Amino acid sequence: MSISIHRLPPASLIGLSGAILITLGSFGGGATRNRGGVLELAGLDFLSYGHGAGISNTVFFFGMVLLVLGWALLGRQTVFSDLRIGKGGRFRTVRRSMWLWVLPFIAAAPMLSRDVYSYLMQGAMVRDGFDPYSQGAAVNPGPMLLEVSHDWRNTTTPYGPLHLWIGEVVTRIVGDNVTLGVILYKLISLAGFAAIVWSIPLIARHLGGNPSTALWLGVANPVMILHLVGGMHNESIMVGMVSVGLLLSLRRKFIAGIALIAVAVSLKATAAIALPFVVWMMVNHFVPDAGEKLRRFGVFLLTGFLGALETIVVVALVTWASGSSWGWLTEISGNSKVINPLAFPSLFAGLISPYFRLFDEDFSYNTILEVLRNLSLVLMLAGLVISWWLFRRSDKHAVQGITAAYSVAFVFNSVTLPWYYASVISLLGTYRPPLWLLKFSSAASMVIALSFSGSGNHQLYNVPWIVCLVVASWVTVEFIFAEVKTSLTTREPEQSETALADPRP
């Protein structure tokens, strides 16, 4: 079985073929421009509409399939293979394959979302003297407004002052040139992605995990590449800063770690979910004996207060330096227009509202949705507190708690989009998770990756599609882990892998 598997084409080349097809298809099948763009300049704009768009979408979809298959085969051939691979070979192979797949995305058009156009528009608003926390994009007509989704032209932004500061700097550099603005945001996204690539294996090494597994599941994952690099979402920078901040905290550089996570909070507030777990890291470091309850409680109060104070000071400094306001605090909940079953309230409302209509034909979906969103908020807050309390005993528990808390937040949030889960995916492989969790997260990643089209539309309500995708993903997962006989909690990484993950001498 192993010999036949290794006679297949290299996973890196399959994934690369997929990445190239995705890049080619993105110009006509991605988040295409409404005015201008590369296709119009090249006289190939027919590829963005009619039969041409059908070709582009087909190329894009098959590219995604190949990227997912390449990732799955990389896991089977390299990360979870019983064959002995040379010194440090697993880690190097995963890292090399991942960068090989990312490379074509540098030239790709925006995909899977039009958010990058909103980022540019919000930066242009600040540049031109408008307030994105109280005004929608429509107040500032121009080339960038034409590219913003109609859903967001009259809504405010939920992002923090650092987000607006970055957008303002970008638009001051490029003016109203959308293409150059997209290129700069691609470079910014790559910088954030590189920070994740660097820090996640080191976090795994600190926690006694397998750097190869951490890199394969948490960074080379198609969801991460497609949405953070291809979609250019600000999660790339946020997750990058939180990951490096956690690494610094694990190395007992708590002041620097908290400061970096606080900077991430000023970009997107969800970064704050990691901070309470850093407090547990500090408590366990300064008072490692769990029996000293009174002393631990005192240290908890002190470190919690100082950590909160530092966070407030850092966010205030970013707000002041950016020339922004505190208006983002009132907009954190974001806009509730998005309806998809990734969020529990939308999923449950969609399941039960047809039954209510059996008794009342005028029953509104939005009625039950509003009730469920309020209930879900309570469940989310309770889940966050429970996660924080349960995962308090060690550094490993703290990182596990962060993934649990982010999962709770995204499941019970009013609006959830696939790239939100980058905060969860990136850390899942760092602490030697049980096999069932590896299988579940791998299958879920494949389902999410293949449920969205290049334009950002999804198939999550297409039941036959989702059923077939779930079955195919589970079969693929069994293929990936076929040579893993026991939980990976008992499987040791090669010594050279952990050494390779740390660039320090």
Protein backbone atom coordinates (compact mmCIF):
# COMPACT_ATOMS: atom_id res chain seq x y z
CA MET A 1 0.00 0.00 0.00
CA SER A 2 2.73 2.46 0.95
CA ILE A 3 4.72 1.69 -2.20
CA SER A 4 1.70 2.32 -4.46
CA ILE A 5 0.95 5.56 -2.65
CA HIS A 6 4.49 6.81 -3.21
CA ARG A 7 4.27 5.98 -6.89
CA LEU A 8 1.61 8.66 -7.24
CA PRO A 9 2.71 12.09 -8.51
CA PRO A 10 4.34 14.20 -5.79
CA ALA A 11 1.80 16.01 -3.63
CA SER A 12 3.69 19.27 -4.12
CA LEU A 13 3.18 19.13 -7.91
CA ILE A 14 -0.52 18.26 -7.62
CA GLY A 15 -1.05 21.19 -5.27
CA LEU A 16 1.03 23.48 -7.49
CA SER A 17 -1.06 22.53 -10.52
CA GLY A 18 -4.15 23.42 -8.52
CA ALA A 19 -2.70 26.75 -7.39
CA ILE A 20 -1.83 27.67 -11.00
CA LEU A 21 -5.35 26.82 -12.19
CA ILE A 22 -6.85 28.83 -9.34
CA THR A 23 -4.69 31.80 -10.27
CA LEU A 24 -5.64 31.59 -13.95
CA GLY A 25 -9.32 31.17 -13.11
CA SER A 26 -9.35 33.96 -10.52
CA PHE A 27 -9.30 36.76 -13.10
CA GLY A 28 -12.63 35.69 -14.57
CA GLY A 29 -14.03 33.45 -11.84
CA GLY A 30 -12.85 35.21 -8.68
CA ALA A 31 -13.98 38.48 -7.11
CA THR A 32 -13.87 40.13 -10.53
CA ARG A 33 -13.58 43.86 -11.08
CA ASN A 34 -16.65 45.83 -12.10
CA ARG A 35 -14.48 48.36 -13.91
CA GLY A 36 -10.98 47.97 -15.29
CA GLY A 37 -8.62 45.23 -14.20
CA VAL A 38 -6.16 42.90 -15.88
CA LEU A 39 -8.68 41.17 -18.15
CA GLU A 40 -9.97 44.44 -19.58
CA LEU A 41 -6.42 45.67 -20.13
CA ALA A 42 -5.52 42.45 -21.97
CA GLY A 43 -8.70 42.43 -24.01
CA LEU A 44 -9.86 39.22 -22.32
CA ASP A 45 -12.74 40.62 -20.29
CA PHE A 46 -15.10 38.12 -22.00
CA LEU A 47 -13.72 35.58 -19.54
CA SER A 48 -15.60 37.34 -16.72
CA TYR A 49 -19.12 37.01 -18.14
CA GLY A 50 -21.29 34.57 -20.08
CA HIS A 51 -19.69 31.39 -21.33
CA GLY A 52 -16.27 32.87 -20.61
CA ALA A 53 -17.16 33.14 -16.94
CA GLY A 54 -18.27 29.52 -17.04
CA ILE A 55 -14.83 28.52 -18.30
CA SER A 56 -13.12 30.63 -15.64
CA ASN A 57 -15.28 29.17 -12.86
CA THR A 58 -14.62 25.63 -14.06
CA VAL A 59 -10.87 26.21 -14.14
CA PHE A 60 -11.03 27.78 -10.67
CA PHE A 61 -13.04 24.91 -9.21
CA PHE A 62 -10.79 22.18 -10.59
CA GLY A 63 -7.84 24.13 -9.24
CA MET A 64 -9.38 24.04 -5.76
CA VAL A 65 -9.97 20.31 -6.05
CA LEU A 66 -6.33 19.72 -7.02
CA LEU A 67 -5.09 21.95 -4.19
CA VAL A 68 -7.17 20.00 -1.67
CA LEU A 69 -6.01 16.67 -3.12
CA GLY A 70 -2.39 17.83 -3.04
CA TRP A 71 -2.78 18.78 0.62
CA ALA A 72 -4.38 15.43 1.44
CA LEU A 73 -1.68 13.49 -0.41
CA LEU A 74 1.03 15.53 1.33
CA GLY A 75 -0.44 14.42 4.64
CA ARG A 76 -0.50 10.77 3.58
CA GLN A 77 2.87 10.65 1.79
CA THR A 78 4.84 12.76 4.22
CA VAL A 79 3.32 13.79 7.54
CA PHE A 80 1.51 10.59 8.52
CA SER A 81 3.49 8.03 6.56
CA ASP A 82 5.14 5.12 8.34
CA LEU A 83 8.03 5.24 5.90
CA ARG A 84 11.24 6.61 7.34
CA ILE A 85 11.97 9.93 5.74
CA GLY A 86 15.41 11.50 5.87
CA LYS A 87 16.70 13.87 8.51
CA GLY A 88 14.17 16.67 9.01
CA GLY A 89 12.56 15.57 5.77
CA ARG A 90 8.93 15.73 6.84
CA PHE A 91 9.05 19.30 8.01
CA ARG A 92 11.10 20.54 5.06
CA THR A 93 8.82 18.77 2.59
CA VAL A 94 5.69 20.32 4.09
CA ARG A 95 7.23 23.78 4.23
CA ARG A 96 8.59 23.59 0.69
CA SER A 97 5.28 22.31 -0.71
CA MET A 98 3.31 25.01 1.10
CA TRP A 99 5.43 27.86 -0.30
CA LEU A 100 5.30 26.26 -3.73
CA TRP A 101 1.51 26.38 -3.55
CA VAL A 102 1.44 29.94 -2.24
CA LEU A 103 3.74 31.27 -4.98
CA PRO A 104 1.14 31.40 -7.81
CA PHE A 105 -1.31 33.20 -5.51
CA ILE A 106 0.98 36.23 -5.53
CA ALA A 107 -0.16 36.93 -9.11
CA ALA A 108 -3.80 35.95 -8.54
CA ALA A 109 -6.78 38.28 -8.54
CA PRO A 110 -8.88 38.65 -5.37
CA MET A 111 -10.96 35.54 -4.76
CA LEU A 112 -13.69 34.08 -2.56
CA SER A 113 -14.67 37.53 -1.24
CA ARG A 114 -14.77 41.20 -2.24
CA ASP A 115 -13.57 42.32 1.20
CA VAL A 116 -10.23 43.63 -0.06
CA TYR A 117 -12.12 46.24 -2.09
CA SER A 118 -13.93 47.30 1.09
CA TYR A 119 -10.58 47.57 2.87
CA LEU A 120 -9.34 49.92 0.16
CA MET A 121 -12.55 51.92 0.26
CA GLN A 122 -12.43 52.32 4.04
CA GLY A 123 -8.81 53.48 3.81
CA ALA A 124 -9.79 55.98 1.11
CA MET A 125 -12.60 57.27 3.33
CA VAL A 126 -10.14 58.03 6.14
CA ARG A 127 -7.72 59.58 3.65
CA ASP A 128 -10.48 61.82 2.33
CA GLY A 129 -11.78 62.90 5.76
CA PHE A 130 -14.75 60.56 6.26
CA ASP A 131 -15.49 58.38 9.29
CA PRO A 132 -16.05 54.67 8.46
CA TYR A 133 -17.45 54.14 11.97
CA SER A 134 -20.44 56.40 11.30
CA GLN A 135 -20.65 56.54 7.50
CA GLY A 136 -20.93 53.99 4.73
CA ALA A 137 -18.69 53.77 1.68
CA ALA A 138 -21.33 55.44 -0.52
CA VAL A 139 -20.45 58.89 0.92
CA ASN A 140 -17.18 58.83 -1.04
CA PRO A 141 -17.87 58.06 -4.73
CA GLY A 142 -14.96 57.03 -6.89
CA PRO A 143 -13.27 54.07 -8.60
CA MET A 144 -12.94 52.11 -5.35
CA LEU A 145 -16.62 52.42 -4.48
CA LEU A 146 -17.51 50.72 -7.77
CA GLU A 147 -15.72 47.56 -6.58
CA VAL A 148 -17.34 47.40 -3.13
CA SER A 149 -20.12 44.83 -2.76
CA HIS A 150 -23.55 46.45 -2.83
CA ASP A 151 -24.27 44.84 0.54
CA TRP A 152 -21.57 46.93 2.24
CA ARG A 153 -21.86 50.31 0.51
CA ASN A 154 -24.05 51.76 3.25
CA THR A 155 -22.67 49.97 6.30
CA THR A 156 -20.01 50.98 8.80
CA THR A 157 -16.86 48.99 9.54
CA PRO A 158 -16.43 46.76 12.63
CA TYR A 159 -12.62 46.77 12.41
CA GLY A 160 -10.23 48.59 14.69
CA PRO A 161 -8.06 51.67 14.15
CA LEU A 162 -5.05 49.70 12.90
CA HIS A 163 -7.17 48.33 10.04
CA LEU A 164 -8.13 51.85 8.98
CA TRP A 165 -4.57 53.09 9.43
CA ILE A 166 -3.23 50.39 7.11
CA GLY A 167 -5.92 51.21 4.56
CA GLU A 168 -5.18 54.91 4.75
CA VAL A 169 -1.45 54.35 4.20
CA VAL A 170 -2.13 52.05 1.25
CA THR A 171 -4.53 54.48 -0.43
CA ARG A 172 -2.21 57.43 0.13
CA ILE A 173 0.46 55.46 -1.74
CA VAL A 174 -1.71 54.22 -4.63
CA GLY A 175 -4.27 57.00 -4.85
CA ASP A 176 -7.41 55.62 -6.49
CA ASN A 177 -5.58 52.89 -8.39
CA VAL A 178 -7.46 49.74 -7.38
CA THR A 179 -4.99 47.35 -9.00
CA LEU A 180 -1.99 48.76 -7.14
CA GLY A 181 -4.00 48.78 -3.93
CA VAL A 182 -4.82 45.09 -4.33
CA ILE A 183 -1.13 44.33 -4.95
CA LEU A 184 -0.12 46.10 -1.73
CA TYR A 185 -2.77 44.26 0.25
CA LYS A 186 -1.50 40.99 -1.23
CA LEU A 187 1.98 41.81 0.13
CA ILE A 188 0.50 42.70 3.52
CA SER A 189 -1.40 39.41 3.60
CA LEU A 190 1.75 37.50 2.70
CA ALA A 191 3.60 39.20 5.57
CA GLY A 192 0.94 38.03 8.01
CA PHE A 193 0.94 34.55 6.51
CA ALA A 194 4.75 34.37 6.81
CA ALA A 195 4.45 35.26 10.51
CA ILE A 196 2.08 32.30 10.95
CA VAL A 197 4.44 30.01 9.04
CA TRP A 198 7.34 31.00 11.28
CA SER A 199 5.60 30.90 14.65
CA ILE A 200 3.27 27.88 14.50
CA PRO A 201 6.03 25.19 14.28
CA LEU A 202 7.86 26.91 17.14
CA ILE A 203 4.72 26.90 19.27
CA ALA A 204 4.35 23.19 18.50
CA ARG A 205 7.96 22.58 19.52
CA HIS A 206 7.45 24.39 22.82
CA LEU A 207 4.32 22.37 23.60
CA GLY A 208 5.92 19.04 22.66
CA GLY A 209 3.89 18.77 19.48
CA ASN A 210 4.93 17.75 16.00
CA PRO A 211 6.02 20.75 13.89
CA SER A 212 5.25 18.89 10.66
CA THR A 213 1.69 18.18 11.75
CA ALA A 214 1.26 21.74 12.99
CA LEU A 215 2.47 23.20 9.71
CA TRP A 216 0.46 20.80 7.55
CA LEU A 217 -2.84 21.23 9.39
CA GLY A 218 -2.50 24.81 10.58
CA VAL A 219 -0.79 26.65 7.71
CA ALA A 220 -0.58 24.57 4.53
CA ASN A 221 -4.32 23.94 4.98
CA PRO A 222 -6.28 24.97 1.83
CA VAL A 223 -8.62 27.14 3.90
CA MET A 224 -5.63 29.14 5.16
CA ILE A 225 -4.03 29.56 1.73
CA LEU A 226 -7.25 30.28 -0.16
CA HIS A 227 -8.72 32.80 2.26
CA LEU A 228 -5.71 34.44 3.91
CA VAL A 229 -3.50 34.73 0.81
CA GLY A 230 -6.06 34.45 -2.00
CA GLY A 231 -8.81 36.37 -0.22
CA MET A 232 -6.38 38.81 1.45
CA HIS A 233 -8.45 39.00 4.62
CA ASN A 234 -7.13 40.96 7.56
CA GLU A 235 -7.21 37.71 9.55
CA SER A 236 -3.83 37.05 7.99
CA ILE A 237 -2.23 39.93 9.90
CA MET A 238 -4.33 39.37 13.02
CA VAL A 239 -3.59 35.63 13.28
CA GLY A 240 0.07 36.30 12.47
CA MET A 241 0.40 38.79 15.32
CA VAL A 242 -1.52 36.61 17.78
CA SER A 243 0.62 33.58 16.88
CA VAL A 244 3.87 35.48 17.39
CA GLY A 245 2.46 37.01 20.57
CA LEU A 246 1.64 33.56 21.93
CA LEU A 247 5.11 32.32 21.03
CA LEU A 248 6.68 35.23 22.92
CA SER A 249 4.44 34.48 25.92
CA LEU A 250 5.41 30.81 25.86
CA ARG A 251 9.04 31.97 25.94
CA ARG A 252 8.17 34.06 29.04
CA LYS A 253 8.40 37.38 27.23
CA PHE A 254 4.96 38.30 28.52
CA ILE A 255 5.15 42.07 28.09
CA ALA A 256 6.11 41.78 24.43
CA GLY A 257 3.60 38.98 23.83
CA ILE A 258 0.67 40.87 25.33
CA ALA A 259 1.69 44.03 23.48
CA LEU A 260 1.68 42.25 20.12
CA ILE A 261 -1.69 40.60 20.78
CA ALA A 262 -3.02 44.01 21.86
CA VAL A 263 -1.88 45.46 18.53
CA ALA A 264 -3.83 42.63 16.88
CA VAL A 265 -6.88 43.65 18.94
CA SER A 266 -6.60 47.13 17.45
CA LEU A 267 -6.92 45.48 14.04
CA LYS A 268 -9.75 43.08 14.88
CA ALA A 269 -11.32 42.68 18.31
CA THR A 270 -11.53 38.87 18.20
CA ALA A 271 -7.79 38.75 18.90
CA ALA A 272 -8.69 39.61 22.51
CA ILE A 273 -10.00 36.07 23.05
CA ALA A 274 -6.39 34.87 23.40
CA LEU A 275 -5.43 37.35 26.13
CA PRO A 276 -7.14 35.75 29.18
CA PHE A 277 -5.24 32.53 28.47
CA VAL A 278 -1.95 34.42 28.52
CA VAL A 279 -2.89 35.34 32.09
CA TRP A 280 -2.99 31.61 32.92
CA MET A 281 0.45 31.24 31.34
CA MET A 282 1.76 33.96 33.65
CA VAL A 283 0.10 32.48 36.73
CA ASN A 284 1.50 29.02 35.98
CA HIS A 285 4.95 30.49 35.38
CA PHE A 286 5.17 32.59 38.54
CA VAL A 287 3.35 30.11 40.82
CA PRO A 288 3.72 26.63 39.29
CA ASP A 289 2.51 24.84 42.45
CA ALA A 290 -1.27 24.40 42.13
CA GLY A 291 -1.47 23.87 45.88
CA GLU A 292 -0.54 27.49 46.64
CA LYS A 293 -4.07 28.68 45.95
CA LEU A 294 -3.90 31.98 47.84
CA ARG A 295 -0.64 33.00 46.19
CA ARG A 296 -1.91 31.92 42.78
CA PHE A 297 -5.03 34.00 43.29
CA GLY A 298 -2.96 37.06 44.17
CA VAL A 299 -0.72 36.59 41.13
CA PHE A 300 -3.82 36.05 38.99
CA LEU A 301 -5.29 39.37 40.10
CA LEU A 302 -2.01 41.22 39.60
CA THR A 303 -1.12 39.75 36.20
CA GLY A 304 -4.71 40.05 35.01
CA PHE A 305 -4.82 43.72 35.97
CA LEU A 306 -1.43 44.51 34.44
CA GLY A 307 -2.27 42.57 31.28
CA ALA A 308 -5.57 44.41 30.86
CA LEU A 309 -3.87 47.75 31.54
CA GLU A 310 -1.15 47.06 28.98
CA THR A 311 -3.75 46.05 26.40
CA ILE A 312 -5.75 49.25 26.94
CA VAL A 313 -2.61 51.40 26.73
CA VAL A 314 -1.42 49.73 23.51
CA VAL A 315 -4.83 49.99 21.84
CA ALA A 316 -5.10 53.62 22.95
CA LEU A 317 -1.68 54.37 21.49
CA VAL A 318 -2.61 52.80 18.16
CA THR A 319 -5.90 54.71 18.15
CA TRP A 320 -4.10 57.98 18.89
CA ALA A 321 -1.27 57.41 16.43
CA SER A 322 -3.67 56.47 13.64
CA GLY A 323 -5.77 59.58 14.21
CA SER A 324 -8.82 57.34 14.53
CA SER A 325 -11.57 57.32 17.14
CA TRP A 326 -13.04 54.85 19.61
CA GLY A 327 -16.13 54.53 17.44
CA TRP A 328 -15.11 51.01 16.48
CA LEU A 329 -16.12 49.77 19.94
CA THR A 330 -19.78 50.43 19.11
CA GLU A 331 -19.44 48.63 15.76
CA ILE A 332 -17.71 45.44 16.97
CA SER A 333 -20.82 43.32 16.52
CA GLY A 334 -20.54 44.05 12.82
CA ASN A 335 -23.31 43.76 10.29
CA SER A 336 -25.90 41.00 10.53
CA LYS A 337 -26.72 40.80 6.82
CA VAL A 338 -24.74 37.62 6.24
CA ILE A 339 -26.81 34.45 6.57
CA ASN A 340 -25.09 31.08 6.32
CA PRO A 341 -25.17 27.86 8.36
CA LEU A 342 -21.62 28.32 9.64
CA ALA A 343 -23.23 30.32 12.46
CA PHE A 344 -25.47 28.37 14.84
CA PRO A 345 -28.34 30.93 14.89
CA SER A 346 -28.63 30.93 11.09
CA LEU A 347 -28.34 27.14 10.89
CA PHE A 348 -30.97 26.45 13.54
CA ALA A 349 -33.32 29.16 12.28
CA GLY A 350 -33.15 27.63 8.81
CA LEU A 351 -33.95 24.19 10.18
CA ILE A 352 -36.97 25.09 12.31
CA SER A 353 -38.60 28.04 10.53
CA PRO A 354 -40.30 25.82 7.87
CA TYR A 355 -42.11 23.96 10.67
CA PHE A 356 -43.39 27.21 12.16
CA ARG A 357 -44.78 28.13 8.74
CA LEU A 358 -46.91 24.97 8.81
CA PHE A 359 -48.98 26.70 11.49
CA ASP A 360 -48.49 30.32 10.43
CA GLU A 361 -47.90 31.11 6.76
CA ASP A 362 -46.83 34.66 7.64
CA PHE A 363 -44.18 33.54 10.11
CA SER A 364 -40.93 35.41 9.45
CA TYR A 365 -37.52 33.74 9.39
CA ASN A 366 -36.05 36.93 10.85
CA THR A 367 -38.27 36.62 13.92
CA ILE A 368 -36.80 33.33 15.06
CA LEU A 369 -33.34 34.40 13.87
CA GLU A 370 -33.35 37.43 16.17
CA VAL A 371 -34.37 35.28 19.15
CA LEU A 372 -31.72 32.69 18.37
CA ARG A 373 -29.00 35.31 17.94
CA ASN A 374 -29.75 36.72 21.38
CA LEU A 375 -29.78 33.23 22.89
CA SER A 376 -26.60 32.37 21.03
CA LEU A 377 -24.85 35.42 22.45
CA VAL A 378 -25.57 34.17 25.97
CA LEU A 379 -24.32 30.69 25.06
CA MET A 380 -21.18 32.17 23.52
CA LEU A 381 -20.33 34.21 26.62
CA ALA A 382 -20.95 31.19 28.86
CA GLY A 383 -18.82 29.01 26.59
CA LEU A 384 -15.96 31.50 26.64
CA VAL A 385 -15.94 31.62 30.44
CA ILE A 386 -16.13 27.82 30.71
CA SER A 387 -13.28 27.39 28.21
CA TRP A 388 -11.14 29.91 30.09
CA TRP A 389 -11.71 28.17 33.40
CA LEU A 390 -11.27 24.59 32.22
CA PHE A 391 -8.00 25.18 30.33
CA ARG A 392 -5.90 26.81 33.03
CA ARG A 393 -3.39 24.23 34.26
CA SER A 394 -0.45 24.59 31.86
CA ASP A 395 0.83 26.25 28.70
CA LYS A 396 -0.53 23.37 26.66
CA HIS A 397 -3.93 23.70 28.30
CA ALA A 398 -3.90 27.43 27.62
CA VAL A 399 -3.31 26.96 23.88
CA GLN A 400 -5.96 24.25 23.79
CA GLY A 401 -8.27 26.67 25.56
CA ILE A 402 -7.64 29.36 22.96
CA THR A 403 -8.73 27.00 20.17
CA ALA A 404 -11.78 25.95 22.20
CA ALA A 405 -12.71 29.56 22.95
CA TYR A 406 -12.35 30.66 19.33
CA SER A 407 -14.47 27.68 18.25
CA VAL A 408 -17.20 28.64 20.71
CA ALA A 409 -17.07 32.27 19.58
CA PHE A 410 -17.40 31.43 15.89
CA VAL A 411 -20.05 28.73 16.24
CA PHE A 412 -22.31 30.94 18.36
CA ASN A 413 -21.54 34.24 16.65
CA SER A 414 -24.37 35.97 14.78
CA VAL A 415 -22.29 35.98 11.60
CA THR A 416 -19.49 33.53 10.79
CA LEU A 417 -17.41 33.34 7.63
CA PRO A 418 -14.89 30.63 6.68
CA TRP A 419 -11.75 32.70 7.18
CA TYR A 420 -12.74 33.35 10.82
CA TYR A 421 -11.66 29.78 11.55
CA ALA A 422 -8.06 30.64 10.69
CA SER A 423 -7.65 31.45 14.39
CA VAL A 424 -8.67 27.90 15.28
CA ILE A 425 -7.02 25.98 12.43
CA SER A 426 -3.63 27.62 12.92
CA LEU A 427 -3.25 26.32 16.51
CA LEU A 428 -4.98 22.94 16.28
CA GLY A 429 -1.92 20.92 15.34
CA THR A 430 0.47 22.50 17.82
CA TYR A 431 -0.38 20.50 20.92
CA ARG A 432 -0.48 16.90 19.64
CA PRO A 433 -4.28 16.61 19.35
CA PRO A 434 -6.06 13.25 19.49
CA LEU A 435 -6.60 11.45 16.21
CA TRP A 436 -10.36 12.04 16.14
CA LEU A 437 -9.79 15.81 16.29
CA LEU A 438 -7.22 15.67 13.50
CA LYS A 439 -9.64 13.72 11.35
CA PHE A 440 -12.58 16.00 12.07
CA SER A 441 -10.63 19.22 11.46
CA SER A 442 -9.12 17.85 8.25
CA ALA A 443 -12.52 16.79 6.89
CA ALA A 444 -14.12 20.09 7.93
CA SER A 445 -11.31 21.99 6.19
CA MET A 446 -11.96 20.16 2.93
CA VAL A 447 -15.71 20.74 3.15
CA ILE A 448 -15.29 24.45 3.81
CA ALA A 449 -12.63 24.87 1.11
CA LEU A 450 -14.82 23.31 -1.58
CA SER A 451 -18.13 24.90 -0.54
CA PHE A 452 -17.30 28.37 -1.84
CA SER A 453 -16.96 29.58 -5.41
CA GLY A 454 -14.36 32.05 -6.58
CA SER A 455 -16.84 34.93 -6.36
CA GLY A 456 -17.58 34.13 -2.72
CA ASN A 457 -20.97 32.47 -3.22
CA HIS A 458 -21.43 29.24 -1.29
CA GLN A 459 -23.14 25.87 -1.61
CA LEU A 460 -23.83 25.41 2.10
CA TYR A 461 -27.60 25.22 1.50
CA ASN A 462 -27.18 22.80 -1.41
CA VAL A 463 -27.93 19.62 0.55
CA PRO A 464 -26.94 17.04 -2.11
CA TRP A 465 -23.67 18.88 -2.69
CA ILE A 466 -22.85 19.05 1.01
CA VAL A 467 -23.74 15.39 1.57
CA CYS A 468 -21.49 14.29 -1.31
CA LEU A 469 -18.73 16.60 -0.11
CA VAL A 470 -18.91 15.31 3.47
CA VAL A 471 -18.73 11.69 2.29
CA ALA A 472 -15.85 12.43 -0.09
CA SER A 473 -13.99 14.37 2.63
CA TRP A 474 -14.39 11.56 5.13
CA VAL A 475 -13.13 8.97 2.66
CA THR A 476 -10.16 11.22 1.96
CA VAL A 477 -9.48 11.62 5.67
CA GLU A 478 -9.42 7.85 6.13
CA PHE A 479 -6.92 7.73 3.27
CA ILE A 480 -4.73 10.41 4.89
CA PHE A 481 -4.56 8.68 8.27
CA ALA A 482 -4.59 5.07 7.01
CA GLU A 483 -1.12 4.36 8.44
CA VAL A 484 -1.82 5.99 11.79
CA LYS A 485 -2.82 3.18 14.13
CA THR A 486 -3.14 5.11 17.38
CA SER A 487 -3.80 8.59 18.62
CA LEU A 488 -1.06 10.98 17.62
CA THR A 489 -0.78 11.92 21.28
CA THR A 490 1.43 8.84 21.60
CA ARG A 491 3.43 9.37 18.44
CA GLU A 492 6.77 11.14 18.74
CA PRO A 493 8.13 13.46 16.06
CA GLU A 494 11.57 12.93 14.69
CA GLN A 495 14.10 14.77 16.80
CA SER A 496 15.42 16.52 13.73
CA GLU A 497 11.96 17.91 12.98
CA THR A 498 11.72 19.80 16.22
CA ALA A 499 15.25 21.05 15.86
CA LEU A 500 14.60 22.18 12.31
CA ALA A 501 11.53 24.14 13.33
CA ASP A 502 13.58 26.46 15.51
CA PRO A 503 15.88 28.75 13.54
CA ARG A 504 17.92 29.66 16.60
CA PRO A 505 21.38 28.07 16.93
